[in-house]
Amino acid sequence: MTVRYDCSHGFFHRDILTPKGETTKQAIPIQNLKDALTYAEQDIKDRWEWYKEKFKKGMKK
């Protein structure tokens, strides 16, 4: 699993990408770009190991 944050579709969201190429968008109800950046940075800092393990498990399937 890979995670990416952006607001390119007119709203702040997290894209979850699987090793198989599947993508899921998860809207996050934050309007202020500064707050959105802070949220994304903190999530990645807090959960990077979890994201890494999910990605590695997905590669084994």
PDB file of N, CA and C in Angstrom:
ATOM      1  N   MET A   1       0.851  -1.165   0.000  1.00  0.00           N
ATOM      2  CA  MET A   1       0.000   0.000   0.000  1.00  0.00           C
ATOM      3  C   MET A   1       0.896   1.228   0.000  1.00  0.00           C
ATOM      4  N   THR A   2       0.575   2.147  -0.863  1.00  0.00           N
ATOM      5  CA  THR A   2       1.254   3.430  -0.900  1.00  0.00           C
ATOM      6  C   THR A   2       0.205   4.493  -0.638  1.00  0.00           C
ATOM      7  N   VAL A   3       0.581   5.517   0.067  1.00  0.00           N
ATOM      8  CA  VAL A   3      -0.354   6.596   0.369  1.00  0.00           C
ATOM      9  C   VAL A   3       0.150   7.882  -0.269  1.00  0.00           C
ATOM     10  N   ARG A   4      -0.811   8.655  -0.773  1.00  0.00           N
ATOM     11  CA  ARG A   4      -0.483   9.949  -1.382  1.00  0.00           C
ATOM     12  C   ARG A   4      -1.606  10.906  -1.010  1.00  0.00           C
ATOM     13  N   TYR A   5      -1.236  12.114  -0.672  1.00  0.00           N
ATOM     14  CA  TYR A   5      -2.216  13.162  -0.363  1.00  0.00           C
ATOM     15  C   TYR A   5      -2.174  14.208  -1.463  1.00  0.00           C
ATOM     16  N   ASP A   6      -3.351  14.708  -1.852  1.00  0.00           N
ATOM     17  CA  ASP A   6      -3.379  15.841  -2.774  1.00  0.00           C
ATOM     18  C   ASP A   6      -4.755  16.502  -2.773  1.00  0.00           C
ATOM     19  N   CYS A   7      -4.846  17.576  -3.502  1.00  0.00           N
ATOM     20  CA  CYS A   7      -6.113  18.303  -3.634  1.00  0.00           C
ATOM     21  C   CYS A   7      -6.356  18.644  -5.108  1.00  0.00           C
ATOM     22  N   SER A   8      -5.847  17.800  -5.985  1.00  0.00           N
ATOM     23  CA  SER A   8      -5.907  18.083  -7.416  1.00  0.00           C
ATOM     24  C   SER A   8      -7.299  17.943  -8.025  1.00  0.00           C
ATOM     25  N   HIS A   9      -8.223  17.316  -7.340  1.00  0.00           N
ATOM     26  CA  HIS A   9      -9.576  17.135  -7.871  1.00  0.00           C
ATOM     27  C   HIS A   9     -10.569  18.095  -7.228  1.00  0.00           C
ATOM     28  N   GLY A  10     -10.047  19.166  -6.651  1.00  0.00           N
ATOM     29  CA  GLY A  10     -10.904  20.170  -6.033  1.00  0.00           C
ATOM     30  C   GLY A  10     -11.236  19.892  -4.582  1.00  0.00           C
ATOM     31  N   PHE A  11     -10.671  18.838  -4.019  1.00  0.00           N
ATOM     32  CA  PHE A  11     -10.888  18.545  -2.604  1.00  0.00           C
ATOM     33  C   PHE A  11      -9.659  17.807  -2.063  1.00  0.00           C
ATOM     34  N   PHE A  12      -9.421  17.978  -0.772  1.00  0.00           N
ATOM     35  CA  PHE A  12      -8.287  17.324  -0.124  1.00  0.00           C
ATOM     36  C   PHE A  12      -8.639  15.850   0.078  1.00  0.00           C
ATOM     37  N   HIS A  13      -7.728  14.971  -0.311  1.00  0.00           N
ATOM     38  CA  HIS A  13      -7.984  13.550  -0.167  1.00  0.00           C
ATOM     39  C   HIS A  13      -6.681  12.756  -0.084  1.00  0.00           C
ATOM     40  N   ARG A  14      -6.864  11.520   0.356  1.00  0.00           N
ATOM     41  CA  ARG A  14      -5.761  10.566   0.440  1.00  0.00           C
ATOM     42  C   ARG A  14      -6.026   9.513  -0.624  1.00  0.00           C
ATOM     43  N   ASP A  15      -5.016   9.242  -1.431  1.00  0.00           N
ATOM     44  CA  ASP A  15      -5.091   8.152  -2.392  1.00  0.00           C
ATOM     45  C   ASP A  15      -4.345   6.967  -1.804  1.00  0.00           C
ATOM     46  N   ILE A  16      -5.002   5.821  -1.775  1.00  0.00           N
ATOM     47  CA  ILE A  16      -4.382   4.585  -1.345  1.00  0.00           C
ATOM     48  C   ILE A  16      -4.135   3.768  -2.609  1.00  0.00           C
ATOM     49  N   LEU A  17      -2.881   3.439  -2.857  1.00  0.00           N
ATOM     50  CA  LEU A  17      -2.502   2.672  -4.044  1.00  0.00           C
ATOM     51  C   LEU A  17      -1.973   1.312  -3.604  1.00  0.00           C
ATOM     52  N   THR A  18      -2.480   0.259  -4.204  1.00  0.00           N
ATOM     53  CA  THR A  18      -2.030  -1.085  -3.860  1.00  0.00           C
ATOM     54  C   THR A  18      -0.951  -1.525  -4.842  1.00  0.00           C
ATOM     55  N   PRO A  19      -0.167  -2.530  -4.465  1.00  0.00           N
ATOM     56  CA  PRO A  19       0.846  -3.046  -5.390  1.00  0.00           C
ATOM     57  C   PRO A  19       0.242  -3.571  -6.700  1.00  0.00           C
ATOM     58  N   LYS A  20      -1.052  -3.936  -6.679  1.00  0.00           N
ATOM     59  CA  LYS A  20      -1.722  -4.435  -7.878  1.00  0.00           C
ATOM     60  C   LYS A  20      -2.201  -3.303  -8.789  1.00  0.00           C
ATOM     61  N   GLY A  21      -1.994  -2.054  -8.380  1.00  0.00           N
ATOM     62  CA  GLY A  21      -2.384  -0.918  -9.203  1.00  0.00           C
ATOM     63  C   GLY A  21      -3.762  -0.348  -8.907  1.00  0.00           C
ATOM     64  N   GLU A  22      -4.447  -0.862  -7.910  1.00  0.00           N
ATOM     65  CA  GLU A  22      -5.758  -0.350  -7.533  1.00  0.00           C
ATOM     66  C   GLU A  22      -5.590   0.940  -6.732  1.00  0.00           C
ATOM     67  N   THR A  23      -6.511   1.882  -6.941  1.00  0.00           N
ATOM     68  CA  THR A  23      -6.453   3.161  -6.238  1.00  0.00           C
ATOM     69  C   THR A  23      -7.799   3.449  -5.596  1.00  0.00           C
ATOM     70  N   THR A  24      -7.761   3.921  -4.354  1.00  0.00           N
ATOM     71  CA  THR A  24      -8.963   4.331  -3.636  1.00  0.00           C
ATOM     72  C   THR A  24      -8.757   5.755  -3.147  1.00  0.00           C
ATOM     73  N   LYS A  25      -9.732   6.632  -3.379  1.00  0.00           N
ATOM     74  CA  LYS A  25      -9.683   8.012  -2.880  1.00  0.00           C
ATOM     75  C   LYS A  25     -10.495   8.094  -1.588  1.00  0.00           C
ATOM     76  N   GLN A  26      -9.922   8.716  -0.580  1.00  0.00           N
ATOM     77  CA  GLN A  26     -10.607   8.919   0.686  1.00  0.00           C
ATOM     78  C   GLN A  26     -10.643  10.421   0.969  1.00  0.00           C
ATOM     79  N   ALA A  27     -11.811  11.017   0.824  1.00  0.00           N
ATOM     80  CA  ALA A  27     -11.961  12.454   1.081  1.00  0.00           C
ATOM     81  C   ALA A  27     -11.694  12.752   2.550  1.00  0.00           C
ATOM     82  N   ILE A  28     -11.005  13.853   2.801  1.00  0.00           N
ATOM     83  CA  ILE A  28     -10.717  14.301   4.158  1.00  0.00           C
ATOM     84  C   ILE A  28     -11.275  15.719   4.267  1.00  0.00           C
ATOM     85  N   PRO A  29     -12.219  15.921   5.163  1.00  0.00           N
ATOM     86  CA  PRO A  29     -12.925  17.209   5.218  1.00  0.00           C
ATOM     87  C   PRO A  29     -12.119  18.346   5.854  1.00  0.00           C
ATOM     88  N   ILE A  30     -11.032  18.725   5.209  1.00  0.00           N
ATOM     89  CA  ILE A  30     -10.214  19.855   5.640  1.00  0.00           C
ATOM     90  C   ILE A  30     -10.147  20.820   4.466  1.00  0.00           C
ATOM     91  N   GLN A  31     -10.536  22.067   4.670  1.00  0.00           N
ATOM     92  CA  GLN A  31     -10.578  23.051   3.591  1.00  0.00           C
ATOM     93  C   GLN A  31      -9.302  23.885   3.497  1.00  0.00           C
ATOM     94  N   ASN A  32      -8.698  24.166   4.628  1.00  0.00           N
ATOM     95  CA  ASN A  32      -7.521  25.018   4.687  1.00  0.00           C
ATOM     96  C   ASN A  32      -6.282  24.229   4.244  1.00  0.00           C
ATOM     97  N   LEU A  33      -5.563  24.720   3.245  1.00  0.00           N
ATOM     98  CA  LEU A  33      -4.413  23.976   2.713  1.00  0.00           C
ATOM     99  C   LEU A  33      -3.293  23.795   3.732  1.00  0.00           C
ATOM    100  N   LYS A  34      -3.080  24.791   4.585  1.00  0.00           N
ATOM    101  CA  LYS A  34      -2.044  24.662   5.619  1.00  0.00           C
ATOM    102  C   LYS A  34      -2.402  23.534   6.583  1.00  0.00           C
ATOM    103  N   ASP A  35      -3.664  23.467   6.998  1.00  0.00           N
ATOM    104  CA  ASP A  35      -4.101  22.392   7.891  1.00  0.00           C
ATOM    105  C   ASP A  35      -4.036  21.031   7.189  1.00  0.00           C
ATOM    106  N   ALA A  36      -4.343  21.008   5.896  1.00  0.00           N
ATOM    107  CA  ALA A  36      -4.278  19.767   5.131  1.00  0.00           C
ATOM    108  C   ALA A  36      -2.839  19.256   5.071  1.00  0.00           C
ATOM    109  N   LEU A  37      -1.897  20.140   4.830  1.00  0.00           N
ATOM    110  CA  LEU A  37      -0.489  19.750   4.792  1.00  0.00           C
ATOM    111  C   LEU A  37      -0.040  19.220   6.150  1.00  0.00           C
ATOM    112  N   THR A  38      -0.419  19.889   7.210  1.00  0.00           N
ATOM    113  CA  THR A  38      -0.069  19.455   8.558  1.00  0.00           C
ATOM    114  C   THR A  38      -0.639  18.060   8.829  1.00  0.00           C
ATOM    115  N   TYR A  39      -1.895  17.845   8.454  1.00  0.00           N
ATOM    116  CA  TYR A  39      -2.542  16.546   8.638  1.00  0.00           C
ATOM    117  C   TYR A  39      -1.781  15.451   7.893  1.00  0.00           C
ATOM    118  N   ALA A  40      -1.477  15.698   6.621  1.00  0.00           N
ATOM    119  CA  ALA A  40      -0.791  14.709   5.798  1.00  0.00           C
ATOM    120  C   ALA A  40       0.600  14.393   6.354  1.00  0.00           C
ATOM    121  N   GLU A  41       1.343  15.406   6.720  1.00  0.00           N
ATOM    122  CA  GLU A  41       2.683  15.189   7.276  1.00  0.00           C
ATOM    123  C   GLU A  41       2.628  14.366   8.551  1.00  0.00           C
ATOM    124  N   GLN A  42       1.694  14.698   9.422  1.00  0.00           N
ATOM    125  CA  GLN A  42       1.595  13.983  10.697  1.00  0.00           C
ATOM    126  C   GLN A  42       1.184  12.534  10.479  1.00  0.00           C
ATOM    127  N   ASP A  43       0.243  12.306   9.569  1.00  0.00           N
ATOM    128  CA  ASP A  43      -0.190  10.937   9.290  1.00  0.00           C
ATOM    129  C   ASP A  43       0.976  10.095   8.792  1.00  0.00           C
ATOM    130  N   ILE A  44       1.748  10.634   7.878  1.00  0.00           N
ATOM    131  CA  ILE A  44       2.882   9.876   7.336  1.00  0.00           C
ATOM    132  C   ILE A  44       3.940   9.636   8.416  1.00  0.00           C
ATOM    133  N   LYS A  45       4.209  10.629   9.238  1.00  0.00           N
ATOM    134  CA  LYS A  45       5.176  10.447  10.331  1.00  0.00           C
ATOM    135  C   LYS A  45       4.702   9.377  11.308  1.00  0.00           C
ATOM    136  N   ASP A  46       3.411   9.396  11.634  1.00  0.00           N
ATOM    137  CA  ASP A  46       2.864   8.465  12.622  1.00  0.00           C
ATOM    138  C   ASP A  46       2.702   7.045  12.086  1.00  0.00           C
ATOM    139  N   ARG A  47       2.405   6.902  10.794  1.00  0.00           N
ATOM    140  CA  ARG A  47       1.998   5.596  10.273  1.00  0.00           C
ATOM    141  C   ARG A  47       2.891   5.043   9.167  1.00  0.00           C
ATOM    142  N   TRP A  48       4.074   5.603   8.932  1.00  0.00           N
ATOM    143  CA  TRP A  48       4.887   5.154   7.798  1.00  0.00           C
ATOM    144  C   TRP A  48       5.249   3.682   7.892  1.00  0.00           C
ATOM    145  N   GLU A  49       5.517   3.196   9.098  1.00  0.00           N
ATOM    146  CA  GLU A  49       5.879   1.786   9.233  1.00  0.00           C
ATOM    147  C   GLU A  49       4.686   0.894   8.888  1.00  0.00           C
ATOM    148  N   TRP A  50       3.495   1.295   9.307  1.00  0.00           N
ATOM    149  CA  TRP A  50       2.277   0.539   8.996  1.00  0.00           C
ATOM    150  C   TRP A  50       2.046   0.517   7.489  1.00  0.00           C
ATOM    151  N   TYR A  51       2.182   1.669   6.824  1.00  0.00           N
ATOM    152  CA  TYR A  51       2.037   1.727   5.369  1.00  0.00           C
ATOM    153  C   TYR A  51       3.065   0.824   4.683  1.00  0.00           C
ATOM    154  N   LYS A  52       4.300   0.845   5.180  1.00  0.00           N
ATOM    155  CA  LYS A  52       5.360   0.028   4.597  1.00  0.00           C
ATOM    156  C   LYS A  52       5.034  -1.457   4.718  1.00  0.00           C
ATOM    157  N   GLU A  53       4.591  -1.888   5.885  1.00  0.00           N
ATOM    158  CA  GLU A  53       4.271  -3.298   6.094  1.00  0.00           C
ATOM    159  C   GLU A  53       3.095  -3.735   5.228  1.00  0.00           C
ATOM    160  N   LYS A  54       2.078  -2.887   5.107  1.00  0.00           N
ATOM    161  CA  LYS A  54       0.930  -3.213   4.247  1.00  0.00           C
ATOM    162  C   LYS A  54       1.390  -3.358   2.797  1.00  0.00           C
ATOM    163  N   PHE A  55       2.300  -2.499   2.363  1.00  0.00           N
ATOM    164  CA  PHE A  55       2.806  -2.576   1.004  1.00  0.00           C
ATOM    165  C   PHE A  55       3.578  -3.871   0.789  1.00  0.00           C
ATOM    166  N   LYS A  56       4.460  -4.209   1.739  1.00  0.00           N
ATOM    167  CA  LYS A  56       5.253  -5.425   1.616  1.00  0.00           C
ATOM    168  C   LYS A  56       4.363  -6.669   1.601  1.00  0.00           C
ATOM    169  N   LYS A  57       3.324  -6.688   2.427  1.00  0.00           N
ATOM    170  CA  LYS A  57       2.403  -7.827   2.435  1.00  0.00           C
ATOM    171  C   LYS A  57       1.667  -7.924   1.107  1.00  0.00           C
ATOM    172  N   GLY A  58       1.300  -6.799   0.526  1.00  0.00           N
ATOM    173  CA  GLY A  58       0.618  -6.787  -0.759  1.00  0.00           C
ATOM    174  C   GLY A  58       1.497  -7.284  -1.894  1.00  0.00           C
ATOM    175  N   MET A  59       2.795  -7.084  -1.787  1.00  0.00           N
ATOM    176  CA  MET A  59       3.732  -7.536  -2.809  1.00  0.00           C
ATOM    177  C   MET A  59       3.876  -9.067  -2.802  1.00  0.00           C
ATOM    178  N   LYS A  60       3.665  -9.682  -1.637  1.00  0.00           N
ATOM    179  CA  LYS A  60       3.843 -11.127  -1.507  1.00  0.00           C
ATOM    180  C   LYS A  60       2.676 -11.911  -2.092  1.00  0.00           C
ATOM    181  N   LYS A  61       1.529 -11.282  -2.257  1.00  0.00           N
ATOM    182  CA  LYS A  61       0.324 -11.987  -2.737  1.00  0.00           C
ATOM    183  C   LYS A  61       0.386 -12.233  -4.207  1.00  0.00           C
TER     184      LYS A  61
END
